[in-house]
PDB file of all heavy atoms in Angstrom:
ATOM      1  N   ALA A   1      74.990  60.315  87.056  1.00  0.00           N
ATOM      2  CA  ALA A   1      75.478  58.983  87.337  1.00  0.00           C
ATOM      3  C   ALA A   1      76.030  58.341  86.074  1.00  0.00           C
ATOM      4  O   ALA A   1      75.432  58.452  84.975  1.00  0.00           O
ATOM      5  CB  ALA A   1      74.372  58.155  87.909  1.00  0.00           C
ATOM      6  N   GLY A   2      77.156  57.684  86.186  1.00  0.00           N
ATOM      7  CA  GLY A   2      77.826  57.074  85.085  1.00  0.00           C
ATOM      8  C   GLY A   2      78.881  57.950  84.433  1.00  0.00           C
ATOM      9  O   GLY A   2      79.689  57.443  83.618  1.00  0.00           O
ATOM     10  N   GLY A   3      78.939  59.238  84.779  1.00  0.00           N
ATOM     11  CA  GLY A   3      79.879  60.168  84.238  1.00  0.00           C
ATOM     12  C   GLY A   3      81.230  60.097  84.943  1.00  0.00           C
ATOM     13  O   GLY A   3      81.495  59.319  85.828  1.00  0.00           O
ATOM     14  N   SER A   4      82.156  61.012  84.525  1.00  0.00           N
ATOM     15  CA  SER A   4      83.489  61.008  85.053  1.00  0.00           C
ATOM     16  C   SER A   4      83.884  62.405  85.465  1.00  0.00           C
ATOM     17  O   SER A   4      83.438  63.417  84.900  1.00  0.00           O
ATOM     18  CB  SER A   4      84.468  60.515  83.996  1.00  0.00           C
ATOM     19  OG  SER A   4      84.223  59.188  83.635  1.00  0.00           O
ATOM     20  N   LEU A   5      84.807  62.484  86.425  1.00  0.00           N
ATOM     21  CA  LEU A   5      85.461  63.702  86.851  1.00  0.00           C
ATOM     22  C   LEU A   5      86.915  63.412  87.186  1.00  0.00           C
ATOM     23  O   LEU A   5      87.235  62.274  87.602  1.00  0.00           O
ATOM     24  CB  LEU A   5      84.793  64.316  88.065  1.00  0.00           C
ATOM     25  CG  LEU A   5      83.456  64.999  87.865  1.00  0.00           C
ATOM     26  CD1 LEU A   5      82.846  65.373  89.251  1.00  0.00           C
ATOM     27  CD2 LEU A   5      83.587  66.267  87.036  1.00  0.00           C
ATOM     28  N   ARG A   6      87.771  64.400  87.101  1.00  0.00           N
ATOM     29  CA  ARG A   6      89.179  64.272  87.442  1.00  0.00           C
ATOM     30  C   ARG A   6      89.548  65.354  88.427  1.00  0.00           C
ATOM     31  O   ARG A   6      89.503  66.547  88.113  1.00  0.00           O
ATOM     32  CB  ARG A   6      90.050  64.367  86.198  1.00  0.00           C
ATOM     33  CG  ARG A   6      91.568  64.229  86.473  1.00  0.00           C
ATOM     34  CD  ARG A   6      92.331  64.269  85.145  1.00  0.00           C
ATOM     35  NE  ARG A   6      93.756  64.455  85.316  1.00  0.00           N
ATOM     36  CZ  ARG A   6      94.625  63.441  85.480  1.00  0.00           C
ATOM     37  NH1 ARG A   6      94.184  62.167  85.473  1.00  0.00           N
ATOM     38  NH2 ARG A   6      95.921  63.669  85.587  1.00  0.00           N
ATOM     39  N   LEU A   7      89.895  64.929  89.640  1.00  0.00           N
ATOM     40  CA  LEU A   7      90.320  65.905  90.687  1.00  0.00           C
ATOM     41  C   LEU A   7      91.819  66.052  90.633  1.00  0.00           C
ATOM     42  O   LEU A   7      92.578  65.117  90.351  1.00  0.00           O
ATOM     43  CB  LEU A   7      89.904  65.390  92.072  1.00  0.00           C
ATOM     44  CG  LEU A   7      88.423  65.201  92.331  1.00  0.00           C
ATOM     45  CD1 LEU A   7      88.220  64.703  93.763  1.00  0.00           C
ATOM     46  CD2 LEU A   7      87.689  66.521  92.141  1.00  0.00           C
ATOM     47  N   SER A   8      92.285  67.275  90.931  1.00  0.00           N
ATOM     48  CA  SER A   8      93.714  67.571  90.997  1.00  0.00           C
ATOM     49  C   SER A   8      94.015  68.219  92.329  1.00  0.00           C
ATOM     50  O   SER A   8      93.164  68.935  92.878  1.00  0.00           O
ATOM     51  CB  SER A   8      94.150  68.492  89.847  1.00  0.00           C
ATOM     52  OG  SER A   8      93.909  67.902  88.603  1.00  0.00           O
ATOM     53  N   CYS A   9      95.223  68.052  92.816  1.00  0.00           N
ATOM     54  CA  CYS A   9      95.700  68.677  94.014  1.00  0.00           C
ATOM     55  C   CYS A   9      97.164  69.062  93.793  1.00  0.00           C
ATOM     56  O   CYS A   9      97.989  68.237  93.444  1.00  0.00           O
ATOM     57  CB  CYS A   9      95.578  67.674  95.202  1.00  0.00           C
ATOM     58  SG  CYS A   9      96.375  68.265  96.715  1.00  0.00           S
ATOM     59  N   VAL A  10      97.447  70.337  94.044  1.00  0.00           N
ATOM     60  CA  VAL A  10      98.805  70.839  93.886  1.00  0.00           C
ATOM     61  C   VAL A  10      99.360  71.252  95.273  1.00  0.00           C
ATOM     62  O   VAL A  10      98.682  71.968  95.983  1.00  0.00           O
ATOM     63  CB  VAL A  10      98.859  72.081  92.929  1.00  0.00           C
ATOM     64  CG1 VAL A  10     100.295  72.599  92.822  1.00  0.00           C
ATOM     65  CG2 VAL A  10      98.357  71.664  91.565  1.00  0.00           C
ATOM     66  N   ALA A  11     100.526  70.756  95.590  1.00  0.00           N
ATOM     67  CA  ALA A  11     101.164  71.020  96.894  1.00  0.00           C
ATOM     68  C   ALA A  11     102.318  72.036  96.721  1.00  0.00           C
ATOM     69  O   ALA A  11     103.090  71.920  95.741  1.00  0.00           O
ATOM     70  CB  ALA A  11     101.665  69.753  97.511  1.00  0.00           C
ATOM     71  N   SER A  12     102.392  72.955  97.624  1.00  0.00           N
ATOM     72  CA  SER A  12     103.496  73.888  97.613  1.00  0.00           C
ATOM     73  C   SER A  12     104.151  73.887  99.040  1.00  0.00           C
ATOM     74  O   SER A  12     103.506  73.532 100.021  1.00  0.00           O
ATOM     75  CB  SER A  12     103.026  75.286  97.260  1.00  0.00           C
ATOM     76  OG  SER A  12     102.079  75.813  98.182  1.00  0.00           O
ATOM     77  N   GLY A  13     105.419  74.281  99.049  1.00  0.00           N
ATOM     78  CA  GLY A  13     106.138  74.305 100.312  1.00  0.00           C
ATOM     79  C   GLY A  13     106.860  72.982 100.547  1.00  0.00           C
ATOM     80  O   GLY A  13     107.399  72.387  99.617  1.00  0.00           O
ATOM     81  N   PHE A  14     106.886  72.478 101.810  1.00  0.00           N
ATOM     82  CA  PHE A  14     107.581  71.277 102.138  1.00  0.00           C
ATOM     83  C   PHE A  14     107.034  70.065 101.388  1.00  0.00           C
ATOM     84  O   PHE A  14     105.820  69.785 101.437  1.00  0.00           O
ATOM     85  CB  PHE A  14     107.491  71.045 103.655  1.00  0.00           C
ATOM     86  CG  PHE A  14     108.369  69.959 104.156  1.00  0.00           C
ATOM     87  CD1 PHE A  14     109.701  70.287 104.551  1.00  0.00           C
ATOM     88  CD2 PHE A  14     107.955  68.665 104.349  1.00  0.00           C
ATOM     89  CE1 PHE A  14     110.541  69.303 105.013  1.00  0.00           C
ATOM     90  CE2 PHE A  14     108.821  67.707 104.811  1.00  0.00           C
ATOM     91  CZ  PHE A  14     110.112  68.015 105.144  1.00  0.00           C
ATOM     92  N   THR A  15     107.886  69.299 100.745  1.00  0.00           N
ATOM     93  CA  THR A  15     107.483  68.157  99.924  1.00  0.00           C
ATOM     94  C   THR A  15     107.240  66.927 100.867  1.00  0.00           C
ATOM     95  O   THR A  15     108.065  66.604 101.730  1.00  0.00           O
ATOM     96  CB  THR A  15     108.558  67.798  98.912  1.00  0.00           C
ATOM     97  OG1 THR A  15     108.737  68.884  98.055  1.00  0.00           O
ATOM     98  CG2 THR A  15     108.108  66.574  98.099  1.00  0.00           C
ATOM     99  N   ARG A  16     106.132  66.267 100.685  1.00  0.00           N
ATOM    100  CA  ARG A  16     105.770  65.060 101.430  1.00  0.00           C
ATOM    101  C   ARG A  16     105.805  63.872 100.547  1.00  0.00           C
ATOM    102  O   ARG A  16     105.657  63.911  99.331  1.00  0.00           O
ATOM    103  CB  ARG A  16     104.403  65.274 102.062  1.00  0.00           C
ATOM    104  CG  ARG A  16     104.295  66.409 103.026  1.00  0.00           C
ATOM    105  CD  ARG A  16     105.086  66.133 104.274  1.00  0.00           C
ATOM    106  NE  ARG A  16     105.230  67.311 105.135  1.00  0.00           N
ATOM    107  CZ  ARG A  16     105.257  67.269 106.466  1.00  0.00           C
ATOM    108  NH1 ARG A  16     105.137  66.105 107.086  1.00  0.00           N
ATOM    109  NH2 ARG A  16     105.388  68.381 107.150  1.00  0.00           N
ATOM    110  N   HIS A  17     106.010  62.674 101.146  1.00  0.00           N
ATOM    111  CA  HIS A  17     106.196  61.415 100.431  1.00  0.00           C
ATOM    112  C   HIS A  17     104.927  60.591 100.233  1.00  0.00           C
ATOM    113  O   HIS A  17     104.940  59.655  99.438  1.00  0.00           O
ATOM    114  CB  HIS A  17     107.222  60.548 101.161  1.00  0.00           C
ATOM    115  CG  HIS A  17     108.585  61.222 101.304  1.00  0.00           C
ATOM    116  ND1 HIS A  17     109.388  61.541 100.211  1.00  0.00           N
ATOM    117  CD2 HIS A  17     109.248  61.625 102.416  1.00  0.00           C
ATOM    118  CE1 HIS A  17     110.468  62.125 100.650  1.00  0.00           C
ATOM    119  NE2 HIS A  17     110.440  62.161 101.980  1.00  0.00           N
ATOM    120  N   CYS A  18     103.887  60.961 100.878  1.00  0.00           N
ATOM    121  CA  CYS A  18     102.633  60.254 100.756  1.00  0.00           C
ATOM    122  C   CYS A  18     101.511  61.261 100.572  1.00  0.00           C
ATOM    123  O   CYS A  18     101.445  62.268 101.310  1.00  0.00           O
ATOM    124  CB  CYS A  18     102.376  59.354 101.995  1.00  0.00           C
ATOM    125  SG  CYS A  18     100.884  58.360 101.906  1.00  0.00           S
ATOM    126  N   MET A  19     100.596  60.972  99.672  1.00  0.00           N
ATOM    127  CA  MET A  19      99.466  61.840  99.470  1.00  0.00           C
ATOM    128  C   MET A  19      98.165  60.978  99.298  1.00  0.00           C
ATOM    129  O   MET A  19      98.292  59.805  98.910  1.00  0.00           O
ATOM    130  CB  MET A  19      99.631  62.732  98.256  1.00  0.00           C
ATOM    131  CG  MET A  19     100.847  63.665  98.398  1.00  0.00           C
ATOM    132  SD  MET A  19     101.015  64.807  96.965  1.00  0.00           S
ATOM    133  CE  MET A  19      99.714  65.955  97.335  1.00  0.00           C
ATOM    134  N   GLY A  20      97.050  61.575  99.539  1.00  0.00           N
ATOM    135  CA  GLY A  20      95.807  60.789  99.409  1.00  0.00           C
ATOM    136  C   GLY A  20      94.591  61.665  99.302  1.00  0.00           C
ATOM    137  O   GLY A  20      94.621  62.902  99.396  1.00  0.00           O
ATOM    138  N   TRP A  21      93.476  61.005  98.997  1.00  0.00           N
ATOM    139  CA  TRP A  21      92.160  61.626  98.888  1.00  0.00           C
ATOM    140  C   TRP A  21      91.224  61.058  99.945  1.00  0.00           C
ATOM    141  O   TRP A  21      91.167  59.835 100.135  1.00  0.00           O
ATOM    142  CB  TRP A  21      91.541  61.389  97.496  1.00  0.00           C
ATOM    143  CG  TRP A  21      92.251  62.090  96.410  1.00  0.00           C
ATOM    144  CD1 TRP A  21      93.197  61.581  95.548  1.00  0.00           C
ATOM    145  CD2 TRP A  21      92.083  63.485  95.989  1.00  0.00           C
ATOM    146  NE1 TRP A  21      93.627  62.558  94.654  1.00  0.00           N
ATOM    147  CE2 TRP A  21      92.975  63.699  94.927  1.00  0.00           C
ATOM    148  CE3 TRP A  21      91.289  64.507  96.484  1.00  0.00           C
ATOM    149  CZ2 TRP A  21      93.085  64.943  94.298  1.00  0.00           C
ATOM    150  CZ3 TRP A  21      91.409  65.753  95.888  1.00  0.00           C
ATOM    151  CH2 TRP A  21      92.259  65.955  94.782  1.00  0.00           C
ATOM    152  N   PHE A  22      90.498  61.918 100.587  1.00  0.00           N
ATOM    153  CA  PHE A  22      89.472  61.583 101.533  1.00  0.00           C
ATOM    154  C   PHE A  22      88.192  62.239 101.133  1.00  0.00           C
ATOM    155  O   PHE A  22      88.183  63.236 100.394  1.00  0.00           O
ATOM    156  CB  PHE A  22      89.860  62.029 102.974  1.00  0.00           C
ATOM    157  CG  PHE A  22      90.997  61.240 103.539  1.00  0.00           C
ATOM    158  CD1 PHE A  22      92.301  61.438 103.056  1.00  0.00           C
ATOM    159  CD2 PHE A  22      90.815  60.321 104.580  1.00  0.00           C
ATOM    160  CE1 PHE A  22      93.371  60.710 103.618  1.00  0.00           C
ATOM    161  CE2 PHE A  22      91.868  59.628 105.109  1.00  0.00           C
ATOM    162  CZ  PHE A  22      93.125  59.784 104.662  1.00  0.00           C
ATOM    163  N   ARG A  23      87.055  61.816 101.661  1.00  0.00           N
ATOM    164  CA  ARG A  23      85.799  62.407 101.372  1.00  0.00           C
ATOM    165  C   ARG A  23      84.874  62.394 102.591  1.00  0.00           C
ATOM    166  O   ARG A  23      84.958  61.541 103.458  1.00  0.00           O
ATOM    167  CB  ARG A  23      85.080  61.793 100.174  1.00  0.00           C
ATOM    168  CG  ARG A  23      84.658  60.349 100.379  1.00  0.00           C
ATOM    169  CD  ARG A  23      84.131  59.766  99.046  1.00  0.00           C
ATOM    170  NE  ARG A  23      83.674  58.386  99.238  1.00  0.00           N
ATOM    171  CZ  ARG A  23      83.297  57.596  98.235  1.00  0.00           C
ATOM    172  NH1 ARG A  23      83.300  58.060  96.976  1.00  0.00           N
ATOM    173  NH2 ARG A  23      82.903  56.367  98.487  1.00  0.00           N
ATOM    174  N   ARG A  24      83.988  63.411 102.631  1.00  0.00           N
ATOM    175  CA  ARG A  24      83.002  63.489 103.690  1.00  0.00           C
ATOM    176  C   ARG A  24      81.659  63.846 103.046  1.00  0.00           C
ATOM    177  O   ARG A  24      81.481  64.901 102.498  1.00  0.00           O
ATOM    178  CB  ARG A  24      83.369  64.501 104.749  1.00  0.00           C
ATOM    179  CG  ARG A  24      82.421  64.455 105.950  1.00  0.00           C
ATOM    180  CD  ARG A  24      82.637  65.667 106.867  1.00  0.00           C
ATOM    181  NE  ARG A  24      83.990  65.670 107.468  1.00  0.00           N
ATOM    182  CZ  ARG A  24      84.309  65.012 108.605  1.00  0.00           C
ATOM    183  NH1 ARG A  24      83.406  64.302 109.215  1.00  0.00           N
ATOM    184  NH2 ARG A  24      85.548  65.111 109.037  1.00  0.00           N
ATOM    185  N   ALA A  25      80.678  62.929 103.151  1.00  0.00           N
ATOM    186  CA  ALA A  25      79.350  63.163 102.702  1.00  0.00           C
ATOM    187  C   ALA A  25      78.515  63.792 103.811  1.00  0.00           C
ATOM    188  O   ALA A  25      78.828  63.604 105.001  1.00  0.00           O
ATOM    189  CB  ALA A  25      78.709  61.871 102.220  1.00  0.00           C
ATOM    190  N   PRO A  26      77.433  64.501 103.486  1.00  0.00           N
ATOM    191  CA  PRO A  26      76.544  65.083 104.535  1.00  0.00           C
ATOM    192  C   PRO A  26      76.071  64.074 105.517  1.00  0.00           C
ATOM    193  O   PRO A  26      75.554  63.007 105.100  1.00  0.00           O
ATOM    194  CB  PRO A  26      75.441  65.714 103.709  1.00  0.00           C
ATOM    195  CG  PRO A  26      76.007  66.014 102.369  1.00  0.00           C
ATOM    196  CD  PRO A  26      76.975  64.855 102.137  1.00  0.00           C
ATOM    197  N   GLY A  27      76.264  64.307 106.777  1.00  0.00           N
ATOM    198  CA  GLY A  27      75.830  63.389 107.838  1.00  0.00           C
ATOM    199  C   GLY A  27      76.668  62.141 107.980  1.00  0.00           C
ATOM    200  O   GLY A  27      76.300  61.256 108.748  1.00  0.00           O
ATOM    201  N   LYS A  28      77.828  62.090 107.334  1.00  0.00           N
ATOM    202  CA  LYS A  28      78.704  60.922 107.363  1.00  0.00           C
ATOM    203  C   LYS A  28      80.062  61.249 107.941  1.00  0.00           C
ATOM    204  O   LYS A  28      80.448  62.436 107.958  1.00  0.00           O
ATOM    205  CB  LYS A  28      78.894  60.334 105.971  1.00  0.00           C
ATOM    206  CG  LYS A  28      77.594  59.888 105.276  1.00  0.00           C
ATOM    207  CD  LYS A  28      77.012  58.646 105.863  1.00  0.00           C
ATOM    208  CE  LYS A  28      75.853  58.167 105.024  1.00  0.00           C
ATOM    209  NZ  LYS A  28      75.289  56.908 105.626  1.00  0.00           N
TER     210      LYS A  28
END
């Protein structure tokens, strides 16, 4: 807790104009 992380996502193929991050926690 209190630390940092940096997530990356690389897309290949057809280029899209909108991108985003979603998350799912256990039981949620």
